[in-house]
Structures are given as C-alpha cells and as structure tokens.
Amino acid sequence: MVDTAQAQSRSSWMSALAKAPLALLEERVATLGALPEYRFLRSPEIGLAMVRGRTEGAGQPFNLGEMTLTRCVVQLSLAAGDESISGFGYVAGRSQRHAELAAVCDALLQYSDWQAKVQAQVIEPLQGAAHKKRAAEMAEVESTRVNFFTLLRGEA
C-alpha cells in the first residue's frame, strides 16, 4: 500500500514533468549523465481524453470537450534480483519524446539509487522554473489591475 506522503510527492513530480517545456526537460535530464537502460512496456502513444467541467466550480459535471494527450510506460533494467520499477508519463499534446522522458524520470524517482539525484537536478529546477513563470504572469496581471470603488451618497 502506498502512503499518502509518497503519493503526494509522486503527484508533485509527475505534475512538474508533465507541465515542463520539452526543451527544459531534455536539458535537465541531460545533466544526469548516462541513464540506466529501460524498455517500453507501452511505447509512446497519442490519444484523447475527455475533459470534464462543473458549472460555477461546484455544479453538476459535464463533458467540456476532448484534449490530445500522449502516454508512455517504461520499465528500468535493474540488477538481477532487484524489484522491477515501472515509470509512467502522461503529457498534454502530441510529444512522444516528452512522455518518454517523463516516464523515465518517474521510474528513476522510484529507484532509491537515483531518487536524490533526479530530485535535485531535474524536479527542483523544473518546479523553480514553473514558480518563476507563474510569478511573472501574476506580476503582469497585477500591473493591469483596476480597482473599482463606489462612493456612498448621502441619500440613504
């Protein structure tokens, strides 16, 4: 059984891998050096997923539309006797390479010999870049904010 903290950290790194720009992900993975061999359990494939929405965020769910996504599953080739580790990659869009790299990183993050290295060299920089991008977007939005106010007239 997977504990909650482990599931939350995996969710966090899966999100960072899926949302990162491919060029940045490739750059960060290249810093890891030689990766262990892996094989595809499910080679990268493109498909559709139904996106659901809710009226006003809390109403009845409805089908909003479909989006393209790419998924991939890899298995690390570990030393004999080691438990096999599978990694999953799901990304929005049609980038098969992105899904493959996300799956490889997911598998490496589950392997104790690689976890700290991948966390430090891939996940943390990706999360940092995402936070910087979000902060820049928020600053741009804030610069165009208009504060409306009403004056209370004495005709009450």
C-alpha atoms as a PDB file:
ATOM      1  CA  MET A   1       0.000   0.000   0.000  1.00  0.00           C
ATOM      2  CA  VAL A   2       1.304   3.470  -0.867  1.00  0.00           C
ATOM      3  CA  ASP A   3       1.339   6.002   1.959  1.00  0.00           C
ATOM      4  CA  THR A   4      -0.200   9.433   1.497  1.00  0.00           C
ATOM      5  CA  ALA A   5       3.074  11.400   1.666  1.00  0.00           C
ATOM      6  CA  GLN A   6       4.645   9.218  -1.020  1.00  0.00           C
ATOM      7  CA  ALA A   7       1.573   9.568  -3.236  1.00  0.00           C
ATOM      8  CA  GLN A   8       1.598  13.358  -2.816  1.00  0.00           C
ATOM      9  CA  SER A   9       5.297  13.636  -3.671  1.00  0.00           C
ATOM     10  CA  ARG A  10       4.815  11.424  -6.716  1.00  0.00           C
ATOM     11  CA  SER A  11       1.861  13.535  -7.782  1.00  0.00           C
ATOM     12  CA  SER A  12       4.037  16.628  -7.388  1.00  0.00           C
ATOM     13  CA  TRP A  13       6.887  15.310  -9.542  1.00  0.00           C
ATOM     14  CA  MET A  14       4.500  13.880 -12.158  1.00  0.00           C
ATOM     15  CA  SER A  15       2.911  17.326 -12.437  1.00  0.00           C
ATOM     16  CA  ALA A  16       6.302  19.035 -12.796  1.00  0.00           C
ATOM     17  CA  LEU A  17       7.373  16.569 -15.503  1.00  0.00           C
ATOM     18  CA  ALA A  18       4.111  16.864 -17.441  1.00  0.00           C
ATOM     19  CA  LYS A  19       3.947  20.669 -17.373  1.00  0.00           C
ATOM     20  CA  ALA A  20       7.624  21.393 -18.120  1.00  0.00           C
ATOM     21  CA  PRO A  21       8.592  22.597 -21.602  1.00  0.00           C
ATOM     22  CA  LEU A  22      10.221  19.749 -23.541  1.00  0.00           C
ATOM     23  CA  ALA A  23      13.436  21.694 -24.194  1.00  0.00           C
ATOM     24  CA  LEU A  24      13.923  22.384 -20.481  1.00  0.00           C
ATOM     25  CA  LEU A  25      13.133  18.775 -19.562  1.00  0.00           C
ATOM     26  CA  GLU A  26      15.661  17.465 -22.093  1.00  0.00           C
ATOM     27  CA  GLU A  27      18.264  19.917 -20.780  1.00  0.00           C
ATOM     28  CA  ARG A  28      17.729  18.822 -17.170  1.00  0.00           C
ATOM     29  CA  VAL A  29      17.717  15.089 -17.996  1.00  0.00           C
ATOM     30  CA  ALA A  30      20.992  15.531 -19.916  1.00  0.00           C
ATOM     31  CA  THR A  31      22.631  16.706 -16.668  1.00  0.00           C
ATOM     32  CA  LEU A  32      22.025  13.249 -15.177  1.00  0.00           C
ATOM     33  CA  GLY A  33      24.609  11.641 -17.445  1.00  0.00           C
ATOM     34  CA  ALA A  34      24.235   8.020 -18.537  1.00  0.00           C
ATOM     35  CA  LEU A  35      20.806   6.686 -17.635  1.00  0.00           C
ATOM     36  CA  PRO A  36      20.058   3.049 -16.819  1.00  0.00           C
ATOM     37  CA  GLU A  37      18.670   1.011 -19.680  1.00  0.00           C
ATOM     38  CA  TYR A  38      14.924   0.759 -19.929  1.00  0.00           C
ATOM     39  CA  ARG A  39      12.364  -0.924 -22.116  1.00  0.00           C
ATOM     40  CA  PHE A  40       8.944   0.193 -23.204  1.00  0.00           C
ATOM     41  CA  LEU A  41       6.003  -1.565 -21.620  1.00  0.00           C
ATOM     42  CA  ARG A  42       3.820   0.813 -23.596  1.00  0.00           C
ATOM     43  CA  SER A  43       5.598   2.825 -26.245  1.00  0.00           C
ATOM     44  CA  PRO A  44       4.576   6.492 -26.520  1.00  0.00           C
ATOM     45  CA  GLU A  45       1.112   6.724 -27.997  1.00  0.00           C
ATOM     46  CA  ILE A  46      -1.180   9.628 -28.727  1.00  0.00           C
ATOM     47  CA  GLY A  47      -4.820   9.565 -27.716  1.00  0.00           C
ATOM     48  CA  LEU A  48      -7.738  11.632 -26.497  1.00  0.00           C
ATOM     49  CA  ALA A  49      -9.082  12.263 -23.024  1.00  0.00           C
ATOM     50  CA  MET A  50     -12.438  13.732 -22.113  1.00  0.00           C
ATOM     51  CA  VAL A  51     -12.145  16.924 -20.090  1.00  0.00           C
ATOM     52  CA  ARG A  52     -14.941  17.446 -17.600  1.00  0.00           C
ATOM     53  CA  GLY A  53     -16.094  20.703 -16.076  1.00  0.00           C
ATOM     54  CA  ARG A  54     -18.518  21.880 -13.423  1.00  0.00           C
ATOM     55  CA  THR A  55     -20.844  24.834 -13.570  1.00  0.00           C
ATOM     56  CA  GLU A  56     -19.508  27.528 -11.233  1.00  0.00           C
ATOM     57  CA  GLY A  57     -16.943  25.041  -9.936  1.00  0.00           C
ATOM     58  CA  ALA A  58     -19.411  23.099  -7.809  1.00  0.00           C
ATOM     59  CA  GLY A  59     -22.390  22.266 -10.025  1.00  0.00           C
ATOM     60  CA  GLN A  60     -23.194  19.152 -11.962  1.00  0.00           C
ATOM     61  CA  PRO A  61     -20.263  17.812 -14.008  1.00  0.00           C
ATOM     62  CA  PHE A  62     -20.478  17.979 -17.773  1.00  0.00           C
ATOM     63  CA  ASN A  63     -18.250  16.961 -20.679  1.00  0.00           C
ATOM     64  CA  LEU A  64     -16.377  20.093 -21.713  1.00  0.00           C
ATOM     65  CA  GLY A  65     -14.511  18.568 -24.644  1.00  0.00           C
ATOM     66  CA  GLU A  66     -11.628  16.336 -25.632  1.00  0.00           C
ATOM     67  CA  MET A  67      -7.910  17.030 -25.430  1.00  0.00           C
ATOM     68  CA  THR A  68      -4.956  15.290 -27.011  1.00  0.00           C
ATOM     69  CA  LEU A  69      -2.526  13.565 -24.689  1.00  0.00           C
ATOM     70  CA  THR A  70       0.450  11.254 -25.027  1.00  0.00           C
ATOM     71  CA  ARG A  71       1.251   8.442 -22.634  1.00  0.00           C
ATOM     72  CA  CYS A  72       4.182   6.108 -22.169  1.00  0.00           C
ATOM     73  CA  VAL A  73       5.205   3.375 -19.717  1.00  0.00           C
ATOM     74  CA  VAL A  74       8.802   2.215 -19.253  1.00  0.00           C
ATOM     75  CA  GLN A  75      10.478  -0.393 -17.071  1.00  0.00           C
ATOM     76  CA  LEU A  76      14.012   0.093 -15.793  1.00  0.00           C
ATOM     77  CA  SER A  77      16.536  -2.674 -16.432  1.00  0.00           C
ATOM     78  CA  LEU A  78      17.945  -3.122 -12.927  1.00  0.00           C
ATOM     79  CA  ALA A  79      20.447  -5.546 -11.447  1.00  0.00           C
ATOM     80  CA  ALA A  80      19.349  -9.161 -11.173  1.00  0.00           C
ATOM     81  CA  GLY A  81      17.250  -9.755  -8.099  1.00  0.00           C
ATOM     82  CA  ASP A  82      16.076  -6.155  -7.835  1.00  0.00           C
ATOM     83  CA  GLU A  83      12.381  -5.428  -7.969  1.00  0.00           C
ATOM     84  CA  SER A  84      11.326  -4.091 -11.369  1.00  0.00           C
ATOM     85  CA  ILE A  85      10.325  -0.435 -11.436  1.00  0.00           C
ATOM     86  CA  SER A  86       7.859   0.999 -13.932  1.00  0.00           C
ATOM     87  CA  GLY A  87       7.506   4.677 -14.726  1.00  0.00           C
ATOM     88  CA  PHE A  88       4.527   6.414 -16.285  1.00  0.00           C
ATOM     89  CA  GLY A  89       4.423   9.559 -18.364  1.00  0.00           C
ATOM     90  CA  TYR A  90       1.277  11.444 -19.353  1.00  0.00           C
ATOM     91  CA  VAL A  91       1.601  14.799 -21.110  1.00  0.00           C
ATOM     92  CA  ALA A  92      -0.842  17.134 -22.806  1.00  0.00           C
ATOM     93  CA  GLY A  93      -0.311  17.316 -26.545  1.00  0.00           C
ATOM     94  CA  ARG A  94       1.431  15.095 -29.053  1.00  0.00           C
ATOM     95  CA  SER A  95       5.046  14.978 -27.849  1.00  0.00           C
ATOM     96  CA  GLN A  96       6.140  11.364 -27.700  1.00  0.00           C
ATOM     97  CA  ARG A  97       9.652  12.304 -26.525  1.00  0.00           C
ATOM     98  CA  HIS A  98       8.186  14.343 -23.652  1.00  0.00           C
ATOM     99  CA  ALA A  99       6.067  11.386 -22.488  1.00  0.00           C
ATOM    100  CA  GLU A 100       9.087   9.069 -22.719  1.00  0.00           C
ATOM    101  CA  LEU A 101      11.314  11.366 -20.651  1.00  0.00           C
ATOM    102  CA  ALA A 102       8.557  11.866 -18.077  1.00  0.00           C
ATOM    103  CA  ALA A 103       8.153   8.083 -17.744  1.00  0.00           C
ATOM    104  CA  VAL A 104      11.907   7.526 -17.377  1.00  0.00           C
ATOM    105  CA  CYS A 105      12.175  10.230 -14.710  1.00  0.00           C
ATOM    106  CA  ASP A 106       9.158   8.804 -12.863  1.00  0.00           C
ATOM    107  CA  ALA A 107      10.823   5.382 -12.789  1.00  0.00           C
ATOM    108  CA  LEU A 108      14.168   6.819 -11.640  1.00  0.00           C
ATOM    109  CA  LEU A 109      12.463   8.748  -8.853  1.00  0.00           C
ATOM    110  CA  GLN A 110      11.070   5.475  -7.504  1.00  0.00           C
ATOM    111  CA  TYR A 111      14.556   3.904  -7.500  1.00  0.00           C
ATOM    112  CA  SER A 112      16.454   4.768  -4.303  1.00  0.00           C
ATOM    113  CA  ASP A 113      19.870   4.927  -6.046  1.00  0.00           C
ATOM    114  CA  TRP A 114      18.648   7.718  -8.358  1.00  0.00           C
ATOM    115  CA  GLN A 115      15.934   9.481  -6.393  1.00  0.00           C
ATOM    116  CA  ALA A 116      18.011  12.224  -4.732  1.00  0.00           C
ATOM    117  CA  LYS A 117      19.955  12.987  -7.918  1.00  0.00           C
ATOM    118  CA  VAL A 118      16.860  13.248 -10.128  1.00  0.00           C
ATOM    119  CA  GLN A 119      15.020  15.265  -7.490  1.00  0.00           C
ATOM    120  CA  ALA A 120      17.894  17.768  -7.227  1.00  0.00           C
ATOM    121  CA  GLN A 121      18.874  18.003 -10.902  1.00  0.00           C
ATOM    122  CA  VAL A 122      15.526  17.654 -12.651  1.00  0.00           C
ATOM    123  CA  ILE A 123      12.446  18.118 -10.469  1.00  0.00           C
ATOM    124  CA  GLU A 124      13.556  21.052  -8.311  1.00  0.00           C
ATOM    125  CA  PRO A 125      14.800  23.123 -11.290  1.00  0.00           C
ATOM    126  CA  LEU A 126      11.567  22.369 -13.191  1.00  0.00           C
ATOM    127  CA  GLN A 127       9.455  23.410 -10.215  1.00  0.00           C
ATOM    128  CA  GLY A 128      11.582  26.529  -9.746  1.00  0.00           C
ATOM    129  CA  ALA A 129      11.138  27.500 -13.394  1.00  0.00           C
ATOM    130  CA  ALA A 130       7.375  26.938 -13.118  1.00  0.00           C
ATOM    131  CA  HIS A 131       7.190  29.147  -9.999  1.00  0.00           C
ATOM    132  CA  LYS A 132       9.184  31.909 -11.720  1.00  0.00           C
ATOM    133  CA  LYS A 133       6.911  31.758 -14.758  1.00  0.00           C
ATOM    134  CA  ARG A 134       3.810  31.866 -12.567  1.00  0.00           C
ATOM    135  CA  ALA A 135       5.196  34.814 -10.568  1.00  0.00           C
ATOM    136  CA  ALA A 136       5.966  36.723 -13.783  1.00  0.00           C
ATOM    137  CA  GLU A 137       2.440  36.086 -15.066  1.00  0.00           C
ATOM    138  CA  MET A 138       0.941  37.225 -11.759  1.00  0.00           C
ATOM    139  CA  ALA A 139       3.075  40.389 -11.788  1.00  0.00           C
ATOM    140  CA  GLU A 140       1.895  41.176 -15.316  1.00  0.00           C
ATOM    141  CA  VAL A 141      -1.729  40.645 -14.330  1.00  0.00           C
ATOM    142  CA  GLU A 142      -1.272  42.743 -11.193  1.00  0.00           C
ATOM    143  CA  SER A 143       0.145  45.630 -13.225  1.00  0.00           C
ATOM    144  CA  THR A 144      -3.113  45.898 -15.169  1.00  0.00           C
ATOM    145  CA  ARG A 145      -5.438  45.590 -12.172  1.00  0.00           C
ATOM    146  CA  VAL A 146      -8.193  48.170 -11.943  1.00  0.00           C
ATOM    147  CA  ASN A 147      -9.644  48.822  -8.503  1.00  0.00           C
ATOM    148  CA  PHE A 148     -13.274  49.807  -8.661  1.00  0.00           C
ATOM    149  CA  PHE A 149     -14.898  51.553  -5.774  1.00  0.00           C
ATOM    150  CA  THR A 150     -18.248  53.096  -5.110  1.00  0.00           C
ATOM    151  CA  LEU A 151     -18.987  56.268  -3.284  1.00  0.00           C
ATOM    152  CA  LEU A 152     -21.785  56.225  -0.825  1.00  0.00           C
ATOM    153  CA  ARG A 153     -24.009  59.180  -1.444  1.00  0.00           C
ATOM    154  CA  GLY A 154     -25.884  60.865   1.355  1.00  0.00           C
ATOM    155  CA  GLU A 155     -29.339  59.900   0.030  1.00  0.00           C
ATOM    156  CA  ALA A 156     -29.856  56.923   2.283  1.00  0.00           C
END
